[in-house]
PDB file of all heavy atoms in Angstrom:
ATOM      1  N   GLY A   1      -6.832 -12.638  14.794  1.00  0.00           N
ATOM      2  CA  GLY A   1      -6.669 -11.182  14.742  1.00  0.00           C
ATOM      3  C   GLY A   1      -6.619 -10.643  13.327  1.00  0.00           C
ATOM      4  O   GLY A   1      -5.917  -9.667  13.056  1.00  0.00           O
ATOM      5  N   LEU A   2      -7.395 -11.254  12.417  1.00  0.00           N
ATOM      6  CA  LEU A   2      -7.427 -10.799  11.031  1.00  0.00           C
ATOM      7  C   LEU A   2      -8.304  -9.563  10.895  1.00  0.00           C
ATOM      8  O   LEU A   2      -9.274  -9.394  11.634  1.00  0.00           O
ATOM      9  CB  LEU A   2      -7.960 -11.914  10.126  1.00  0.00           C
ATOM     10  CG  LEU A   2      -7.208 -13.245  10.163  1.00  0.00           C
ATOM     11  CD1 LEU A   2      -7.891 -14.266   9.254  1.00  0.00           C
ATOM     12  CD2 LEU A   2      -5.751 -13.055   9.779  1.00  0.00           C
ATOM     13  N   ARG A   3      -8.008  -8.733   9.924  1.00  0.00           N
ATOM     14  CA  ARG A   3      -8.782  -7.511   9.702  1.00  0.00           C
ATOM     15  C   ARG A   3     -10.183  -7.789   9.167  1.00  0.00           C
ATOM     16  O   ARG A   3     -11.078  -6.972   9.332  1.00  0.00           O
ATOM     17  CB  ARG A   3      -8.039  -6.599   8.713  1.00  0.00           C
ATOM     18  CG  ARG A   3      -6.798  -5.966   9.298  1.00  0.00           C
ATOM     19  CD  ARG A   3      -5.956  -5.269   8.228  1.00  0.00           C
ATOM     20  NE  ARG A   3      -6.690  -4.375   7.371  1.00  0.00           N
ATOM     21  CZ  ARG A   3      -6.719  -3.044   7.489  1.00  0.00           C
ATOM     22  NH1 ARG A   3      -6.045  -2.458   8.444  1.00  0.00           N
ATOM     23  NH2 ARG A   3      -7.410  -2.314   6.637  1.00  0.00           N
ATOM     24  N   SER A   4     -10.369  -8.915   8.498  1.00  0.00           N
ATOM     25  CA  SER A   4     -11.634  -9.212   7.841  1.00  0.00           C
ATOM     26  C   SER A   4     -11.816 -10.718   7.721  1.00  0.00           C
ATOM     27  O   SER A   4     -10.846 -11.475   7.743  1.00  0.00           O
ATOM     28  CB  SER A   4     -11.624  -8.581   6.436  1.00  0.00           C
ATOM     29  OG  SER A   4     -12.690  -9.021   5.644  1.00  0.00           O
ATOM     30  N   ALA A   5     -13.072 -11.146   7.557  1.00  0.00           N
ATOM     31  CA  ALA A   5     -13.352 -12.554   7.276  1.00  0.00           C
ATOM     32  C   ALA A   5     -13.292 -12.832   5.779  1.00  0.00           C
ATOM     33  O   ALA A   5     -13.588 -13.932   5.341  1.00  0.00           O
ATOM     34  CB  ALA A   5     -14.711 -12.959   7.841  1.00  0.00           C
ATOM     35  N   CYS A   6     -12.897 -11.854   4.998  1.00  0.00           N
ATOM     36  CA  CYS A   6     -12.613 -12.061   3.575  1.00  0.00           C
ATOM     37  C   CYS A   6     -11.103 -12.233   3.487  1.00  0.00           C
ATOM     38  O   CYS A   6     -10.356 -11.256   3.526  1.00  0.00           O
ATOM     39  CB  CYS A   6     -13.087 -10.879   2.739  1.00  0.00           C
ATOM     40  SG  CYS A   6     -12.732 -11.084   0.982  1.00  0.00           S
ATOM     41  N   PHE A   7     -10.657 -13.491   3.428  1.00  0.00           N
ATOM     42  CA  PHE A   7      -9.215 -13.733   3.467  1.00  0.00           C
ATOM     43  C   PHE A   7      -8.838 -14.988   2.701  1.00  0.00           C
ATOM     44  O   PHE A   7      -9.672 -15.857   2.435  1.00  0.00           O
ATOM     45  CB  PHE A   7      -8.715 -13.846   4.913  1.00  0.00           C
ATOM     46  CG  PHE A   7      -9.308 -14.982   5.693  1.00  0.00           C
ATOM     47  CD1 PHE A   7      -8.739 -16.258   5.657  1.00  0.00           C
ATOM     48  CD2 PHE A   7     -10.442 -14.797   6.460  1.00  0.00           C
ATOM     49  CE1 PHE A   7      -9.289 -17.304   6.373  1.00  0.00           C
ATOM     50  CE2 PHE A   7     -11.000 -15.840   7.183  1.00  0.00           C
ATOM     51  CZ  PHE A   7     -10.425 -17.104   7.142  1.00  0.00           C
ATOM     52  N   THR A   8      -7.562 -15.056   2.374  1.00  0.00           N
ATOM     53  CA  THR A   8      -6.970 -16.273   1.819  1.00  0.00           C
ATOM     54  C   THR A   8      -5.820 -16.670   2.728  1.00  0.00           C
ATOM     55  O   THR A   8      -5.276 -15.836   3.459  1.00  0.00           O
ATOM     56  CB  THR A   8      -6.438 -16.056   0.392  1.00  0.00           C
ATOM     57  OG1 THR A   8      -5.465 -15.005   0.411  1.00  0.00           O
ATOM     58  CG2 THR A   8      -7.565 -15.707  -0.575  1.00  0.00           C
ATOM     59  N   VAL A   9      -5.464 -17.959   2.688  1.00  0.00           N
ATOM     60  CA  VAL A   9      -4.374 -18.487   3.508  1.00  0.00           C
ATOM     61  C   VAL A   9      -3.359 -19.163   2.593  1.00  0.00           C
ATOM     62  O   VAL A   9      -3.745 -19.968   1.744  1.00  0.00           O
ATOM     63  CB  VAL A   9      -4.879 -19.543   4.518  1.00  0.00           C
ATOM     64  CG1 VAL A   9      -3.732 -20.035   5.398  1.00  0.00           C
ATOM     65  CG2 VAL A   9      -6.015 -19.011   5.350  1.00  0.00           C
ATOM     66  N   GLN A  10      -2.095 -18.830   2.780  1.00  0.00           N
ATOM     67  CA  GLN A  10      -1.019 -19.526   2.075  1.00  0.00           C
ATOM     68  C   GLN A  10       0.039 -19.905   3.100  1.00  0.00           C
ATOM     69  O   GLN A  10       0.302 -19.143   4.041  1.00  0.00           O
ATOM     70  CB  GLN A  10      -0.393 -18.640   1.010  1.00  0.00           C
ATOM     71  CG  GLN A  10      -1.300 -18.366  -0.163  1.00  0.00           C
ATOM     72  CD  GLN A  10      -0.600 -17.562  -1.232  1.00  0.00           C
ATOM     73  OE1 GLN A  10       0.072 -16.578  -0.929  1.00  0.00           O
ATOM     74  NE2 GLN A  10      -0.759 -17.974  -2.472  1.00  0.00           N
ATOM     75  N   TYR A  11       0.645 -21.068   2.893  1.00  0.00           N
ATOM     76  CA  TYR A  11       1.725 -21.518   3.762  1.00  0.00           C
ATOM     77  C   TYR A  11       2.982 -21.665   2.922  1.00  0.00           C
ATOM     78  O   TYR A  11       2.949 -22.239   1.841  1.00  0.00           O
ATOM     79  CB  TYR A  11       1.377 -22.856   4.415  1.00  0.00           C
ATOM     80  CG  TYR A  11       2.504 -23.400   5.260  1.00  0.00           C
ATOM     81  CD1 TYR A  11       2.786 -22.844   6.497  1.00  0.00           C
ATOM     82  CD2 TYR A  11       3.312 -24.438   4.798  1.00  0.00           C
ATOM     83  CE1 TYR A  11       3.832 -23.321   7.273  1.00  0.00           C
ATOM     84  CE2 TYR A  11       4.352 -24.930   5.568  1.00  0.00           C
ATOM     85  CZ  TYR A  11       4.613 -24.357   6.801  1.00  0.00           C
ATOM     86  OH  TYR A  11       5.650 -24.822   7.558  1.00  0.00           O
ATOM     87  N   GLN A  12       4.081 -21.123   3.426  1.00  0.00           N
ATOM     88  CA  GLN A  12       5.352 -21.223   2.702  1.00  0.00           C
ATOM     89  C   GLN A  12       6.507 -21.044   3.682  1.00  0.00           C
ATOM     90  O   GLN A  12       6.522 -20.096   4.471  1.00  0.00           O
ATOM     91  CB  GLN A  12       5.412 -20.144   1.619  1.00  0.00           C
ATOM     92  CG  GLN A  12       6.610 -20.238   0.716  1.00  0.00           C
ATOM     93  CD  GLN A  12       6.556 -19.187  -0.394  1.00  0.00           C
ATOM     94  OE1 GLN A  12       5.832 -18.211  -0.319  1.00  0.00           O
ATOM     95  NE2 GLN A  12       7.341 -19.407  -1.422  1.00  0.00           N
ATOM     96  N   ASN A  13       7.447 -21.951   3.634  1.00  0.00           N
ATOM     97  CA  ASN A  13       8.693 -21.861   4.401  1.00  0.00           C
ATOM     98  C   ASN A  13       8.493 -21.551   5.885  1.00  0.00           C
ATOM     99  O   ASN A  13       9.149 -20.685   6.452  1.00  0.00           O
ATOM    100  CB  ASN A  13       9.621 -20.808   3.787  1.00  0.00           C
ATOM    101  CG  ASN A  13      10.009 -21.151   2.365  1.00  0.00           C
ATOM    102  OD1 ASN A  13      10.164 -22.321   2.019  1.00  0.00           O
ATOM    103  ND2 ASN A  13      10.151 -20.137   1.538  1.00  0.00           N
ATOM    104  N   GLY A  14       7.554 -22.248   6.512  1.00  0.00           N
ATOM    105  CA  GLY A  14       7.366 -22.104   7.951  1.00  0.00           C
ATOM    106  C   GLY A  14       6.471 -20.955   8.385  1.00  0.00           C
ATOM    107  O   GLY A  14       6.307 -20.722   9.572  1.00  0.00           O
ATOM    108  N   SER A  15       5.883 -20.228   7.412  1.00  0.00           N
ATOM    109  CA  SER A  15       5.009 -19.105   7.764  1.00  0.00           C
ATOM    110  C   SER A  15       3.677 -19.198   7.029  1.00  0.00           C
ATOM    111  O   SER A  15       3.597 -19.705   5.908  1.00  0.00           O
ATOM    112  CB  SER A  15       5.669 -17.775   7.397  1.00  0.00           C
ATOM    113  OG  SER A  15       6.783 -17.531   8.208  1.00  0.00           O
ATOM    114  N   PHE A  16       2.653 -18.665   7.689  1.00  0.00           N
ATOM    115  CA  PHE A  16       1.338 -18.521   7.069  1.00  0.00           C
ATOM    116  C   PHE A  16       1.160 -17.067   6.659  1.00  0.00           C
ATOM    117  O   PHE A  16       1.524 -16.145   7.396  1.00  0.00           O
ATOM    118  CB  PHE A  16       0.231 -18.911   8.051  1.00  0.00           C
ATOM    119  CG  PHE A  16       0.122 -20.389   8.263  1.00  0.00           C
ATOM    120  CD1 PHE A  16       0.745 -20.992   9.341  1.00  0.00           C
ATOM    121  CD2 PHE A  16      -0.596 -21.180   7.376  1.00  0.00           C
ATOM    122  CE1 PHE A  16       0.653 -22.360   9.529  1.00  0.00           C
ATOM    123  CE2 PHE A  16      -0.692 -22.547   7.557  1.00  0.00           C
ATOM    124  CZ  PHE A  16      -0.064 -23.143   8.641  1.00  0.00           C
ATOM    125  N   PHE A  17       0.579 -16.883   5.496  1.00  0.00           N
ATOM    126  CA  PHE A  17       0.284 -15.556   4.966  1.00  0.00           C
ATOM    127  C   PHE A  17      -1.232 -15.449   4.822  1.00  0.00           C
ATOM    128  O   PHE A  17      -1.831 -16.139   4.000  1.00  0.00           O
ATOM    129  CB  PHE A  17       0.980 -15.340   3.621  1.00  0.00           C
ATOM    130  CG  PHE A  17       2.471 -15.487   3.706  1.00  0.00           C
ATOM    131  CD1 PHE A  17       3.089 -16.716   3.503  1.00  0.00           C
ATOM    132  CD2 PHE A  17       3.263 -14.396   4.023  1.00  0.00           C
ATOM    133  CE1 PHE A  17       4.459 -16.860   3.607  1.00  0.00           C
ATOM    134  CE2 PHE A  17       4.645 -14.522   4.127  1.00  0.00           C
ATOM    135  CZ  PHE A  17       5.237 -15.760   3.917  1.00  0.00           C
ATOM    136  N   PHE A  18      -1.831 -14.599   5.652  1.00  0.00           N
ATOM    137  CA  PHE A  18      -3.272 -14.369   5.633  1.00  0.00           C
ATOM    138  C   PHE A  18      -3.504 -13.030   4.943  1.00  0.00           C
ATOM    139  O   PHE A  18      -3.175 -11.980   5.500  1.00  0.00           O
ATOM    140  CB  PHE A  18      -3.839 -14.339   7.048  1.00  0.00           C
ATOM    141  CG  PHE A  18      -3.649 -15.630   7.797  1.00  0.00           C
ATOM    142  CD1 PHE A  18      -2.516 -15.840   8.584  1.00  0.00           C
ATOM    143  CD2 PHE A  18      -4.589 -16.636   7.697  1.00  0.00           C
ATOM    144  CE1 PHE A  18      -2.332 -17.025   9.273  1.00  0.00           C
ATOM    145  CE2 PHE A  18      -4.418 -17.835   8.382  1.00  0.00           C
ATOM    146  CZ  PHE A  18      -3.286 -18.037   9.168  1.00  0.00           C
ATOM    147  N   THR A  19      -4.047 -13.063   3.745  1.00  0.00           N
ATOM    148  CA  THR A  19      -4.316 -11.834   2.998  1.00  0.00           C
ATOM    149  C   THR A  19      -5.791 -11.501   3.127  1.00  0.00           C
ATOM    150  O   THR A  19      -6.654 -12.292   2.721  1.00  0.00           O
ATOM    151  CB  THR A  19      -3.912 -11.985   1.524  1.00  0.00           C
ATOM    152  OG1 THR A  19      -2.515 -12.282   1.463  1.00  0.00           O
ATOM    153  CG2 THR A  19      -4.188 -10.699   0.747  1.00  0.00           C
ATOM    154  N   THR A  20      -6.071 -10.348   3.732  1.00  0.00           N
ATOM    155  CA  THR A  20      -7.447  -9.910   3.958  1.00  0.00           C
ATOM    156  C   THR A  20      -7.814  -8.802   2.989  1.00  0.00           C
ATOM    157  O   THR A  20      -6.955  -8.040   2.528  1.00  0.00           O
ATOM    158  CB  THR A  20      -7.636  -9.397   5.396  1.00  0.00           C
ATOM    159  OG1 THR A  20      -6.733  -8.316   5.634  1.00  0.00           O
ATOM    160  CG2 THR A  20      -7.405 -10.496   6.415  1.00  0.00           C
ATOM    161  N   ARG A  21      -9.101  -8.719   2.710  1.00  0.00           N
ATOM    162  CA  ARG A  21      -9.658  -7.625   1.917  1.00  0.00           C
ATOM    163  C   ARG A  21     -10.750  -6.981   2.754  1.00  0.00           C
ATOM    164  O   ARG A  21     -11.654  -7.668   3.218  1.00  0.00           O
ATOM    165  CB  ARG A  21     -10.203  -8.151   0.593  1.00  0.00           C
ATOM    166  CG  ARG A  21      -9.087  -8.558  -0.339  1.00  0.00           C
ATOM    167  CD  ARG A  21      -9.584  -9.280  -1.581  1.00  0.00           C
ATOM    168  NE  ARG A  21      -8.457  -9.897  -2.253  1.00  0.00           N
ATOM    169  CZ  ARG A  21      -7.900 -11.054  -1.912  1.00  0.00           C
ATOM    170  NH1 ARG A  21      -8.385 -11.731  -0.898  1.00  0.00           N
ATOM    171  NH2 ARG A  21      -6.870 -11.534  -2.560  1.00  0.00           N
ATOM    172  N   GLY A  22     -10.641  -5.673   2.953  1.00  0.00           N
ATOM    173  CA  GLY A  22     -11.576  -4.970   3.812  1.00  0.00           C
ATOM    174  C   GLY A  22     -11.097  -4.955   5.250  1.00  0.00           C
ATOM    175  O   GLY A  22     -10.024  -5.467   5.578  1.00  0.00           O
ATOM    176  N   TYR A  23     -11.910  -4.334   6.099  1.00  0.00           N
ATOM    177  CA  TYR A  23     -11.549  -4.202   7.510  1.00  0.00           C
ATOM    178  C   TYR A  23     -12.835  -4.105   8.324  1.00  0.00           C
ATOM    179  O   TYR A  23     -13.597  -3.152   8.188  1.00  0.00           O
ATOM    180  CB  TYR A  23     -10.695  -2.959   7.708  1.00  0.00           C
ATOM    181  CG  TYR A  23     -10.073  -2.796   9.079  1.00  0.00           C
ATOM    182  CD1 TYR A  23     -10.078  -3.799  10.024  1.00  0.00           C
ATOM    183  CD2 TYR A  23      -9.471  -1.605   9.422  1.00  0.00           C
ATOM    184  CE1 TYR A  23      -9.493  -3.633  11.269  1.00  0.00           C
ATOM    185  CE2 TYR A  23      -8.882  -1.419  10.662  1.00  0.00           C
ATOM    186  CZ  TYR A  23      -8.901  -2.435  11.577  1.00  0.00           C
ATOM    187  OH  TYR A  23      -8.321  -2.265  12.813  1.00  0.00           O
ATOM    188  N   GLY A  24     -13.098  -5.110   9.128  1.00  0.00           N
ATOM    189  CA  GLY A  24     -14.290  -5.128   9.973  1.00  0.00           C
ATOM    190  C   GLY A  24     -15.170  -6.314   9.649  1.00  0.00           C
ATOM    191  O   GLY A  24     -14.840  -7.144   8.803  1.00  0.00           O
ATOM    192  N   HIS A  25     -16.325  -6.374  10.314  1.00  0.00           N
ATOM    193  CA  HIS A  25     -17.231  -7.522  10.176  1.00  0.00           C
ATOM    194  C   HIS A  25     -17.974  -7.541   8.852  1.00  0.00           C
ATOM    195  O   HIS A  25     -18.442  -8.582   8.414  1.00  0.00           O
ATOM    196  CB  HIS A  25     -18.215  -7.587  11.339  1.00  0.00           C
ATOM    197  CG  HIS A  25     -18.917  -6.302  11.628  1.00  0.00           C
ATOM    198  ND1 HIS A  25     -19.843  -5.740  10.785  1.00  0.00           N
ATOM    199  CD2 HIS A  25     -18.797  -5.467  12.691  1.00  0.00           C
ATOM    200  CE1 HIS A  25     -20.286  -4.615  11.317  1.00  0.00           C
ATOM    201  NE2 HIS A  25     -19.664  -4.421  12.478  1.00  0.00           N
ATOM    202  N   GLY A  26     -18.112  -6.406   8.195  1.00  0.00           N
ATOM    203  CA  GLY A  26     -18.724  -6.359   6.868  1.00  0.00           C
ATOM    204  C   GLY A  26     -20.234  -6.189   6.843  1.00  0.00           C
ATOM    205  O   GLY A  26     -20.820  -6.141   5.765  1.00  0.00           O
ATOM    206  N   VAL A  27     -20.897  -6.096   8.001  1.00  0.00           N
ATOM    207  CA  VAL A  27     -22.357  -6.014   8.046  1.00  0.00           C
ATOM    208  C   VAL A  27     -22.807  -4.568   8.218  1.00  0.00           C
ATOM    209  O   VAL A  27     -22.341  -3.874   9.122  1.00  0.00           O
ATOM    210  CB  VAL A  27     -22.923  -6.868   9.207  1.00  0.00           C
ATOM    211  CG1 VAL A  27     -24.447  -6.773   9.260  1.00  0.00           C
ATOM    212  CG2 VAL A  27     -22.489  -8.311   9.063  1.00  0.00           C
ATOM    213  N   GLY A  28     -23.723  -4.130   7.369  1.00  0.00           N
ATOM    214  CA  GLY A  28     -24.292  -2.790   7.491  1.00  0.00           C
ATOM    215  C   GLY A  28     -23.599  -1.779   6.607  1.00  0.00           C
ATOM    216  O   GLY A  28     -23.421  -1.996   5.409  1.00  0.00           O
ATOM    217  N   MET A  29     -23.190  -0.666   7.208  1.00  0.00           N
ATOM    218  CA  MET A  29     -22.634   0.443   6.437  1.00  0.00           C
ATOM    219  C   MET A  29     -21.110   0.488   6.506  1.00  0.00           C
ATOM    220  O   MET A  29     -20.526   0.489   7.579  1.00  0.00           O
ATOM    221  CB  MET A  29     -23.188   1.773   6.962  1.00  0.00           C
ATOM    222  CG  MET A  29     -22.718   2.976   6.140  1.00  0.00           C
ATOM    223  SD  MET A  29     -23.512   4.520   6.624  1.00  0.00           S
ATOM    224  CE  MET A  29     -22.870   4.732   8.274  1.00  0.00           C
ATOM    225  N   SER A  30     -20.510   0.532   5.341  1.00  0.00           N
ATOM    226  CA  SER A  30     -19.069   0.736   5.237  1.00  0.00           C
ATOM    227  C   SER A  30     -18.784   2.220   5.427  1.00  0.00           C
ATOM    228  O   SER A  30     -19.336   3.057   4.708  1.00  0.00           O
ATOM    229  CB  SER A  30     -18.581   0.284   3.858  1.00  0.00           C
ATOM    230  OG  SER A  30     -17.319   0.836   3.570  1.00  0.00           O
ATOM    231  N   GLN A  31     -17.915   2.550   6.368  1.00  0.00           N
ATOM    232  CA  GLN A  31     -17.577   3.955   6.588  1.00  0.00           C
ATOM    233  C   GLN A  31     -16.878   4.548   5.364  1.00  0.00           C
ATOM    234  O   GLN A  31     -17.154   5.671   4.970  1.00  0.00           O
ATOM    235  CB  GLN A  31     -16.707   4.104   7.832  1.00  0.00           C
ATOM    236  CG  GLN A  31     -17.466   3.809   9.106  1.00  0.00           C
ATOM    237  CD  GLN A  31     -16.556   3.799  10.315  1.00  0.00           C
ATOM    238  OE1 GLN A  31     -15.551   3.097  10.356  1.00  0.00           O
ATOM    239  NE2 GLN A  31     -16.924   4.581  11.320  1.00  0.00           N
ATOM    240  N   TRP A  32     -15.982   3.771   4.778  1.00  0.00           N
ATOM    241  CA  TRP A  32     -15.281   4.251   3.585  1.00  0.00           C
ATOM    242  C   TRP A  32     -16.283   4.447   2.441  1.00  0.00           C
ATOM    243  O   TRP A  32     -16.258   5.449   1.741  1.00  0.00           O
ATOM    244  CB  TRP A  32     -14.183   3.270   3.171  1.00  0.00           C
ATOM    245  CG  TRP A  32     -13.450   3.725   1.951  1.00  0.00           C
ATOM    246  CD1 TRP A  32     -13.814   3.492   0.655  1.00  0.00           C
ATOM    247  CD2 TRP A  32     -12.284   4.536   1.888  1.00  0.00           C
ATOM    248  NE1 TRP A  32     -12.934   4.089  -0.205  1.00  0.00           N
ATOM    249  CE2 TRP A  32     -11.972   4.738   0.538  1.00  0.00           C
ATOM    250  CE3 TRP A  32     -11.452   5.095   2.854  1.00  0.00           C
ATOM    251  CZ2 TRP A  32     -10.883   5.476   0.116  1.00  0.00           C
ATOM    252  CZ3 TRP A  32     -10.360   5.833   2.432  1.00  0.00           C
ATOM    253  CH2 TRP A  32     -10.092   6.017   1.086  1.00  0.00           C
ATOM    254  N   GLY A  33     -17.159   3.486   2.268  1.00  0.00           N
ATOM    255  CA  GLY A  33     -18.157   3.579   1.201  1.00  0.00           C
ATOM    256  C   GLY A  33     -19.101   4.741   1.400  1.00  0.00           C
ATOM    257  O   GLY A  33     -19.450   5.447   0.441  1.00  0.00           O
ATOM    258  N   ALA A  34     -19.533   4.977   2.639  1.00  0.00           N
ATOM    259  CA  ALA A  34     -20.425   6.104   2.927  1.00  0.00           C
ATOM    260  C   ALA A  34     -19.730   7.426   2.605  1.00  0.00           C
ATOM    261  O   ALA A  34     -20.329   8.335   2.019  1.00  0.00           O
ATOM    262  CB  ALA A  34     -20.861   6.067   4.387  1.00  0.00           C
ATOM    263  N   ARG A  35     -18.470   7.520   2.959  1.00  0.00           N
ATOM    264  CA  ARG A  35     -17.697   8.727   2.655  1.00  0.00           C
ATOM    265  C   ARG A  35     -17.613   8.943   1.144  1.00  0.00           C
ATOM    266  O   ARG A  35     -17.820  10.051   0.645  1.00  0.00           O
ATOM    267  CB  ARG A  35     -16.306   8.607   3.246  1.00  0.00           C
ATOM    268  CG  ARG A  35     -15.396   9.757   2.903  1.00  0.00           C
ATOM    269  CD  ARG A  35     -14.022   9.547   3.484  1.00  0.00           C
ATOM    270  NE  ARG A  35     -13.071  10.324   2.714  1.00  0.00           N
ATOM    271  CZ  ARG A  35     -11.799  10.041   2.605  1.00  0.00           C
ATOM    272  NH1 ARG A  35     -11.285   9.012   3.231  1.00  0.00           N
ATOM    273  NH2 ARG A  35     -11.014  10.799   1.894  1.00  0.00           N
ATOM    274  N   ALA A  36     -17.335   7.869   0.410  1.00  0.00           N
ATOM    275  CA  ALA A  36     -17.223   7.974  -1.052  1.00  0.00           C
ATOM    276  C   ALA A  36     -18.552   8.394  -1.672  1.00  0.00           C
ATOM    277  O   ALA A  36     -18.576   9.233  -2.580  1.00  0.00           O
ATOM    278  CB  ALA A  36     -16.745   6.647  -1.633  1.00  0.00           C
ATOM    279  N   LEU A  37     -19.658   7.832  -1.181  1.00  0.00           N
ATOM    280  CA  LEU A  37     -20.967   8.217  -1.710  1.00  0.00           C
ATOM    281  C   LEU A  37     -21.270   9.684  -1.396  1.00  0.00           C
ATOM    282  O   LEU A  37     -21.841  10.403  -2.228  1.00  0.00           O
ATOM    283  CB  LEU A  37     -22.055   7.303  -1.156  1.00  0.00           C
ATOM    284  CG  LEU A  37     -21.998   5.842  -1.615  1.00  0.00           C
ATOM    285  CD1 LEU A  37     -23.089   5.027  -0.931  1.00  0.00           C
ATOM    286  CD2 LEU A  37     -22.090   5.726  -3.122  1.00  0.00           C
ATOM    287  N   ALA A  38     -20.898  10.147  -0.214  1.00  0.00           N
ATOM    288  CA  ALA A  38     -21.092  11.561   0.138  1.00  0.00           C
ATOM    289  C   ALA A  38     -20.272  12.463  -0.779  1.00  0.00           C
ATOM    290  O   ALA A  38     -20.756  13.512  -1.236  1.00  0.00           O
ATOM    291  CB  ALA A  38     -20.717  11.791   1.596  1.00  0.00           C
ATOM    292  N   GLU A  39     -19.036  12.038  -1.074  1.00  0.00           N
ATOM    293  CA  GLU A  39     -18.190  12.826  -1.975  1.00  0.00           C
ATOM    294  C   GLU A  39     -18.756  12.858  -3.394  1.00  0.00           C
ATOM    295  O   GLU A  39     -18.487  13.784  -4.144  1.00  0.00           O
ATOM    296  CB  GLU A  39     -16.763  12.273  -1.976  1.00  0.00           C
ATOM    297  CG  GLU A  39     -16.029  12.562  -0.683  1.00  0.00           C
ATOM    298  CD  GLU A  39     -14.688  11.851  -0.562  1.00  0.00           C
ATOM    299  OE1 GLU A  39     -14.386  10.949  -1.386  1.00  0.00           O
ATOM    300  OE2 GLU A  39     -13.935  12.203   0.373  1.00  0.00           O
ATOM    301  N   GLN A  40     -19.562  11.852  -3.746  1.00  0.00           N
ATOM    302  CA  GLN A  40     -20.223  11.815  -5.050  1.00  0.00           C
ATOM    303  C   GLN A  40     -21.522  12.628  -5.054  1.00  0.00           C
ATOM    304  O   GLN A  40     -22.204  12.702  -6.066  1.00  0.00           O
ATOM    305  CB  GLN A  40     -20.521  10.376  -5.463  1.00  0.00           C
ATOM    306  CG  GLN A  40     -19.294   9.543  -5.725  1.00  0.00           C
ATOM    307  CD  GLN A  40     -19.621   8.070  -5.922  1.00  0.00           C
ATOM    308  OE1 GLN A  40     -20.784   7.670  -6.015  1.00  0.00           O
ATOM    309  NE2 GLN A  40     -18.585   7.239  -5.983  1.00  0.00           N
ATOM    310  N   GLY A  41     -21.881  13.216  -3.908  1.00  0.00           N
ATOM    311  CA  GLY A  41     -23.048  14.080  -3.832  1.00  0.00           C
ATOM    312  C   GLY A  41     -24.295  13.457  -3.237  1.00  0.00           C
ATOM    313  O   GLY A  41     -25.339  14.098  -3.186  1.00  0.00           O
TER     314      GLY A  41
END
């Protein structure tokens, strides 16, 4: 149930820490990126 396949895994004191970057499968158009490009004109 990770937000992205761009992640790191760390284990410490009985817990795993999955740090993700981004949200979604990553293929095609980023909604956030499209919005930013539109705001840039």
